[in-house]
Amino acid sequence: QVQVVESGGGLVQPGGSLRLSCQVSGNTFGADIVGWYRQTPGNSRELVATRSGNVETYADSVKGRFTFSRDYERKTGYLQMDTLEPEDTAVYYCKVNSGWTSYWGQGTQVTVSS
């Protein structure tokens, strides 16, 4: 089994910053953090940032404001979010791939509001 835990969300004013964390535990052999997604009620989960090998991809809406990073073993990951906008309000999920399976945590709520 693989466990994924996201943390670091909260309430922040427009223009502020947050740093989200993702930690993988359990049967972590072969498990890699590959990116971050977000979801709002009634909508599909959308890509925020991913990294596959040396290829990094960001959603156009967050490019230049968000930065995805992970440690060498890909078991701990981060999403640095700067210049936050109300449109960034969502539940943020960390995506972990292991073999044929993708794993998700419970997500962490980010609310951007004055």
N, C-alpha and C. Protein backbone atom coordinates (compact mmCIF):
# COMPACT_ATOMS: atom_id res chain seq x y z
N GLN A 1 0.82 -1.17 0.00
CA GLN A 1 0.00 0.00 0.00
C GLN A 1 0.88 1.25 0.00
N VAL A 2 0.32 2.30 -0.58
CA VAL A 2 0.98 3.59 -0.66
C VAL A 2 0.08 4.63 -0.02
N GLN A 3 0.64 5.43 0.85
CA GLN A 3 -0.09 6.52 1.46
C GLN A 3 0.47 7.85 0.98
N VAL A 4 -0.43 8.78 0.68
CA VAL A 4 -0.06 10.10 0.21
C VAL A 4 -0.75 11.13 1.10
N VAL A 5 0.01 12.06 1.61
CA VAL A 5 -0.53 13.09 2.49
C VAL A 5 -0.09 14.45 1.99
N GLU A 6 -1.08 15.30 1.68
CA GLU A 6 -0.82 16.69 1.32
C GLU A 6 -1.06 17.57 2.53
N SER A 7 -0.32 18.65 2.62
CA SER A 7 -0.48 19.59 3.72
C SER A 7 -0.02 20.97 3.28
N GLY A 8 -0.32 21.96 4.10
CA GLY A 8 0.15 23.31 3.86
C GLY A 8 -0.89 24.29 3.35
N GLY A 9 -2.08 23.81 3.06
CA GLY A 9 -3.12 24.69 2.58
C GLY A 9 -3.66 25.59 3.67
N GLY A 10 -4.49 26.54 3.27
CA GLY A 10 -5.07 27.45 4.21
C GLY A 10 -5.69 28.64 3.52
N LEU A 11 -6.01 29.65 4.31
CA LEU A 11 -6.60 30.88 3.82
C LEU A 11 -5.50 31.92 3.64
N VAL A 12 -5.46 32.53 2.46
CA VAL A 12 -4.44 33.52 2.16
C VAL A 12 -5.07 34.64 1.35
N GLN A 13 -4.56 35.84 1.51
CA GLN A 13 -5.06 36.99 0.76
C GLN A 13 -4.52 36.99 -0.67
N PRO A 14 -5.25 37.59 -1.60
CA PRO A 14 -4.71 37.72 -2.95
C PRO A 14 -3.34 38.37 -2.94
N GLY A 15 -2.44 37.83 -3.76
CA GLY A 15 -1.07 38.30 -3.80
C GLY A 15 -0.15 37.60 -2.82
N GLY A 16 -0.71 36.80 -1.93
CA GLY A 16 0.08 36.09 -0.95
C GLY A 16 0.68 34.81 -1.49
N SER A 17 1.32 34.07 -0.59
CA SER A 17 2.02 32.85 -0.97
C SER A 17 1.69 31.71 -0.02
N LEU A 18 1.78 30.50 -0.54
CA LEU A 18 1.67 29.29 0.25
C LEU A 18 2.63 28.26 -0.31
N ARG A 19 3.08 27.36 0.55
CA ARG A 19 3.91 26.25 0.13
C ARG A 19 3.24 24.96 0.56
N LEU A 20 2.80 24.18 -0.41
CA LEU A 20 2.18 22.90 -0.14
C LEU A 20 3.24 21.80 -0.09
N SER A 21 2.98 20.79 0.74
CA SER A 21 3.89 19.67 0.87
C SER A 21 3.17 18.37 0.56
N CYS A 22 3.92 17.41 0.04
CA CYS A 22 3.40 16.08 -0.24
C CYS A 22 4.40 15.06 0.28
N GLN A 23 3.90 14.11 1.08
CA GLN A 23 4.76 13.08 1.65
C GLN A 23 4.20 11.71 1.32
N VAL A 24 5.05 10.84 0.80
CA VAL A 24 4.67 9.47 0.44
C VAL A 24 5.23 8.52 1.49
N SER A 25 4.42 7.55 1.91
CA SER A 25 4.85 6.56 2.88
C SER A 25 4.21 5.22 2.55
N GLY A 26 4.51 4.20 3.36
CA GLY A 26 4.02 2.86 3.12
C GLY A 26 4.98 2.11 2.22
N ASN A 27 4.42 1.38 1.25
CA ASN A 27 5.23 0.64 0.30
C ASN A 27 5.68 1.58 -0.81
N THR A 28 6.76 2.29 -0.54
CA THR A 28 7.19 3.37 -1.42
C THR A 28 8.13 2.93 -2.52
N PHE A 29 8.50 1.66 -2.55
CA PHE A 29 9.40 1.19 -3.59
C PHE A 29 8.76 1.39 -4.96
N GLY A 30 9.43 2.14 -5.81
CA GLY A 30 8.91 2.40 -7.13
C GLY A 30 7.88 3.50 -7.21
N ALA A 31 7.54 4.11 -6.09
CA ALA A 31 6.55 5.18 -6.06
C ALA A 31 7.23 6.53 -6.27
N ASP A 32 6.69 7.31 -7.19
CA ASP A 32 7.26 8.61 -7.53
C ASP A 32 6.19 9.69 -7.49
N ILE A 33 6.48 10.78 -6.81
CA ILE A 33 5.66 11.97 -6.94
C ILE A 33 5.88 12.55 -8.33
N VAL A 34 4.81 12.74 -9.08
CA VAL A 34 4.93 13.21 -10.45
C VAL A 34 4.28 14.56 -10.68
N GLY A 35 3.49 15.06 -9.73
CA GLY A 35 2.92 16.37 -9.96
C GLY A 35 1.81 16.74 -9.00
N TRP A 36 1.19 17.88 -9.29
CA TRP A 36 0.10 18.42 -8.51
C TRP A 36 -1.10 18.71 -9.41
N TYR A 37 -2.29 18.46 -8.87
CA TYR A 37 -3.54 18.75 -9.55
C TYR A 37 -4.44 19.50 -8.58
N ARG A 38 -5.48 20.13 -9.11
CA ARG A 38 -6.43 20.81 -8.25
C ARG A 38 -7.85 20.60 -8.77
N GLN A 39 -8.81 20.77 -7.87
CA GLN A 39 -10.20 20.50 -8.21
C GLN A 39 -11.12 21.42 -7.42
N THR A 40 -12.13 21.95 -8.10
CA THR A 40 -13.19 22.73 -7.47
C THR A 40 -14.50 21.97 -7.61
N PRO A 41 -15.49 22.26 -6.75
CA PRO A 41 -16.75 21.52 -6.80
C PRO A 41 -17.40 21.56 -8.18
N GLY A 42 -17.82 20.40 -8.67
CA GLY A 42 -18.49 20.30 -9.95
C GLY A 42 -17.57 20.27 -11.14
N ASN A 43 -16.28 20.33 -10.93
CA ASN A 43 -15.33 20.34 -12.03
C ASN A 43 -14.39 19.14 -11.96
N SER A 44 -13.77 18.84 -13.08
CA SER A 44 -12.79 17.77 -13.13
C SER A 44 -11.49 18.22 -12.48
N ARG A 45 -10.73 17.24 -12.06
CA ARG A 45 -9.42 17.53 -11.52
C ARG A 45 -8.50 17.98 -12.66
N GLU A 46 -7.84 19.11 -12.48
CA GLU A 46 -7.03 19.66 -13.55
C GLU A 46 -5.56 19.69 -13.17
N LEU A 47 -4.74 19.56 -14.18
CA LEU A 47 -3.29 19.58 -13.99
C LEU A 47 -2.82 20.96 -13.58
N VAL A 48 -1.95 21.00 -12.59
CA VAL A 48 -1.28 22.23 -12.19
C VAL A 48 0.18 22.20 -12.62
N ALA A 49 0.88 21.15 -12.24
CA ALA A 49 2.29 21.02 -12.56
C ALA A 49 2.67 19.55 -12.55
N THR A 50 3.48 19.13 -13.51
CA THR A 50 3.97 17.76 -13.57
C THR A 50 5.43 17.75 -13.99
N ARG A 51 6.08 16.66 -13.63
CA ARG A 51 7.43 16.42 -14.11
C ARG A 51 7.56 14.95 -14.44
N SER A 52 7.97 14.67 -15.66
CA SER A 52 8.23 13.32 -16.12
C SER A 52 9.64 13.28 -16.69
N GLY A 53 10.53 12.62 -15.97
CA GLY A 53 11.93 12.68 -16.35
C GLY A 53 12.42 14.11 -16.24
N ASN A 54 12.94 14.62 -17.33
CA ASN A 54 13.42 16.00 -17.36
C ASN A 54 12.41 16.98 -17.93
N VAL A 55 11.21 16.52 -18.23
CA VAL A 55 10.19 17.36 -18.84
C VAL A 55 9.28 17.92 -17.75
N GLU A 56 9.21 19.24 -17.65
CA GLU A 56 8.36 19.92 -16.69
C GLU A 56 7.23 20.63 -17.43
N THR A 57 6.02 20.51 -16.90
CA THR A 57 4.86 21.11 -17.51
C THR A 57 4.04 21.84 -16.45
N TYR A 58 3.62 23.07 -16.76
CA TYR A 58 2.77 23.86 -15.89
C TYR A 58 1.54 24.29 -16.67
N ALA A 59 0.41 24.37 -15.96
CA ALA A 59 -0.76 24.96 -16.56
C ALA A 59 -0.49 26.42 -16.88
N ASP A 60 -1.05 26.90 -17.99
CA ASP A 60 -0.82 28.28 -18.39
C ASP A 60 -1.24 29.26 -17.30
N SER A 61 -2.28 28.93 -16.57
CA SER A 61 -2.81 29.83 -15.56
C SER A 61 -1.89 30.02 -14.37
N VAL A 62 -0.94 29.11 -14.16
CA VAL A 62 -0.05 29.20 -13.01
C VAL A 62 1.40 29.40 -13.40
N LYS A 63 1.69 29.35 -14.68
CA LYS A 63 3.07 29.47 -15.15
C LYS A 63 3.67 30.80 -14.71
N GLY A 64 4.86 30.72 -14.12
CA GLY A 64 5.53 31.90 -13.62
C GLY A 64 5.20 32.24 -12.19
N ARG A 65 4.16 31.62 -11.63
CA ARG A 65 3.75 31.88 -10.26
C ARG A 65 3.96 30.67 -9.35
N PHE A 66 3.83 29.47 -9.89
CA PHE A 66 3.95 28.24 -9.10
C PHE A 66 5.23 27.52 -9.49
N THR A 67 5.81 26.82 -8.51
CA THR A 67 7.01 26.03 -8.75
C THR A 67 6.86 24.67 -8.08
N PHE A 68 7.02 23.62 -8.87
CA PHE A 68 6.95 22.25 -8.39
C PHE A 68 8.37 21.72 -8.16
N SER A 69 8.60 21.15 -7.00
CA SER A 69 9.89 20.57 -6.70
C SER A 69 9.70 19.26 -5.94
N ARG A 70 10.74 18.43 -5.91
CA ARG A 70 10.71 17.18 -5.19
C ARG A 70 12.13 16.78 -4.83
N ASP A 71 12.25 15.92 -3.83
CA ASP A 71 13.59 15.49 -3.45
C ASP A 71 14.10 14.46 -4.44
N TYR A 72 15.35 14.07 -4.23
CA TYR A 72 16.01 13.18 -5.18
C TYR A 72 15.29 11.85 -5.31
N GLU A 73 14.77 11.32 -4.21
CA GLU A 73 14.09 10.03 -4.22
C GLU A 73 12.62 10.14 -4.61
N ARG A 74 12.12 11.34 -4.83
CA ARG A 74 10.75 11.59 -5.30
C ARG A 74 9.69 11.12 -4.32
N LYS A 75 10.02 11.13 -3.04
CA LYS A 75 9.08 10.74 -2.00
C LYS A 75 8.54 11.94 -1.22
N THR A 76 9.14 13.09 -1.40
CA THR A 76 8.70 14.33 -0.80
C THR A 76 8.64 15.40 -1.88
N GLY A 77 7.52 16.06 -1.98
CA GLY A 77 7.34 17.07 -3.00
C GLY A 77 6.74 18.34 -2.46
N TYR A 78 6.86 19.40 -3.22
CA TYR A 78 6.37 20.71 -2.81
C TYR A 78 5.75 21.43 -3.99
N LEU A 79 4.84 22.32 -3.68
CA LEU A 79 4.31 23.26 -4.65
C LEU A 79 4.37 24.64 -4.02
N GLN A 80 5.32 25.44 -4.48
CA GLN A 80 5.43 26.82 -4.03
C GLN A 80 4.51 27.68 -4.87
N MET A 81 3.57 28.36 -4.21
CA MET A 81 2.57 29.16 -4.89
C MET A 81 2.74 30.61 -4.48
N ASP A 82 3.06 31.45 -5.45
CA ASP A 82 3.26 32.88 -5.21
C ASP A 82 2.24 33.68 -6.01
N THR A 83 2.04 34.92 -5.60
CA THR A 83 1.10 35.82 -6.26
C THR A 83 -0.25 35.14 -6.47
N LEU A 84 -0.78 34.60 -5.40
CA LEU A 84 -2.02 33.83 -5.49
C LEU A 84 -3.20 34.72 -5.86
N GLU A 85 -4.11 34.14 -6.62
CA GLU A 85 -5.31 34.80 -7.09
C GLU A 85 -6.54 34.06 -6.60
N PRO A 86 -7.69 34.74 -6.49
CA PRO A 86 -8.91 34.04 -6.07
C PRO A 86 -9.23 32.83 -6.93
N GLU A 87 -8.88 32.88 -8.21
CA GLU A 87 -9.11 31.77 -9.11
C GLU A 87 -8.29 30.53 -8.78
N ASP A 88 -7.28 30.68 -7.92
CA ASP A 88 -6.48 29.54 -7.48
C ASP A 88 -7.16 28.74 -6.38
N THR A 89 -8.26 29.24 -5.86
CA THR A 89 -8.98 28.54 -4.80
C THR A 89 -9.43 27.17 -5.28
N ALA A 90 -9.02 26.13 -4.55
CA ALA A 90 -9.32 24.76 -4.94
C ALA A 90 -8.77 23.82 -3.88
N VAL A 91 -9.11 22.55 -4.02
CA VAL A 91 -8.44 21.50 -3.26
C VAL A 91 -7.29 20.99 -4.12
N TYR A 92 -6.11 20.98 -3.54
CA TYR A 92 -4.91 20.60 -4.27
C TYR A 92 -4.49 19.18 -3.89
N TYR A 93 -4.19 18.38 -4.91
CA TYR A 93 -3.85 16.99 -4.74
C TYR A 93 -2.47 16.69 -5.30
N CYS A 94 -1.76 15.84 -4.62
CA CYS A 94 -0.46 15.36 -5.07
C CYS A 94 -0.66 14.02 -5.79
N LYS A 95 -0.08 13.89 -6.97
CA LYS A 95 -0.20 12.66 -7.74
C LYS A 95 1.07 11.82 -7.62
N VAL A 96 0.87 10.55 -7.28
CA VAL A 96 1.97 9.62 -7.12
C VAL A 96 1.73 8.43 -8.04
N ASN A 97 2.72 8.08 -8.81
CA ASN A 97 2.66 6.92 -9.68
C ASN A 97 3.52 5.80 -9.12
N SER A 98 2.98 4.58 -9.16
CA SER A 98 3.73 3.39 -8.75
C SER A 98 3.26 2.24 -9.61
N GLY A 99 4.14 1.76 -10.48
CA GLY A 99 3.75 0.72 -11.41
C GLY A 99 2.63 1.18 -12.30
N TRP A 100 1.54 0.40 -12.33
CA TRP A 100 0.39 0.71 -13.16
C TRP A 100 -0.61 1.63 -12.48
N THR A 101 -0.35 2.02 -11.25
CA THR A 101 -1.35 2.69 -10.42
C THR A 101 -0.94 4.11 -10.07
N SER A 102 -1.93 4.99 -10.05
CA SER A 102 -1.76 6.34 -9.53
C SER A 102 -2.44 6.45 -8.18
N TYR A 103 -1.81 7.14 -7.27
CA TYR A 103 -2.33 7.34 -5.92
C TYR A 103 -2.52 8.81 -5.64
N TRP A 104 -3.53 9.11 -4.82
CA TRP A 104 -3.84 10.46 -4.42
C TRP A 104 -4.05 10.51 -2.91
N GLY A 105 -3.75 11.65 -2.32
CA GLY A 105 -4.10 11.87 -0.93
C GLY A 105 -5.50 12.46 -0.81
N GLN A 106 -5.82 12.95 0.38
CA GLN A 106 -7.11 13.58 0.63
C GLN A 106 -7.18 15.01 0.13
N GLY A 107 -6.05 15.57 -0.23
CA GLY A 107 -6.00 16.93 -0.72
C GLY A 107 -5.88 17.94 0.41
N THR A 108 -5.50 19.14 0.05
CA THR A 108 -5.42 20.23 1.01
C THR A 108 -6.09 21.46 0.41
N GLN A 109 -6.95 22.08 1.20
CA GLN A 109 -7.75 23.20 0.72
C GLN A 109 -6.94 24.48 0.70
N VAL A 110 -6.99 25.16 -0.44
CA VAL A 110 -6.39 26.48 -0.59
C VAL A 110 -7.51 27.46 -0.90
N THR A 111 -7.63 28.48 -0.09
CA THR A 111 -8.64 29.51 -0.29
C THR A 111 -7.95 30.87 -0.37
N VAL A 112 -8.16 31.55 -1.49
CA VAL A 112 -7.56 32.86 -1.72
C VAL A 112 -8.69 33.89 -1.69
N SER A 113 -8.70 34.70 -0.66
CA SER A 113 -9.79 35.65 -0.48
C SER A 113 -9.34 36.79 0.41
N SER A 114 -9.89 37.97 0.16
CA SER A 114 -9.61 39.11 1.01
C SER A 114 -10.52 39.15 2.22
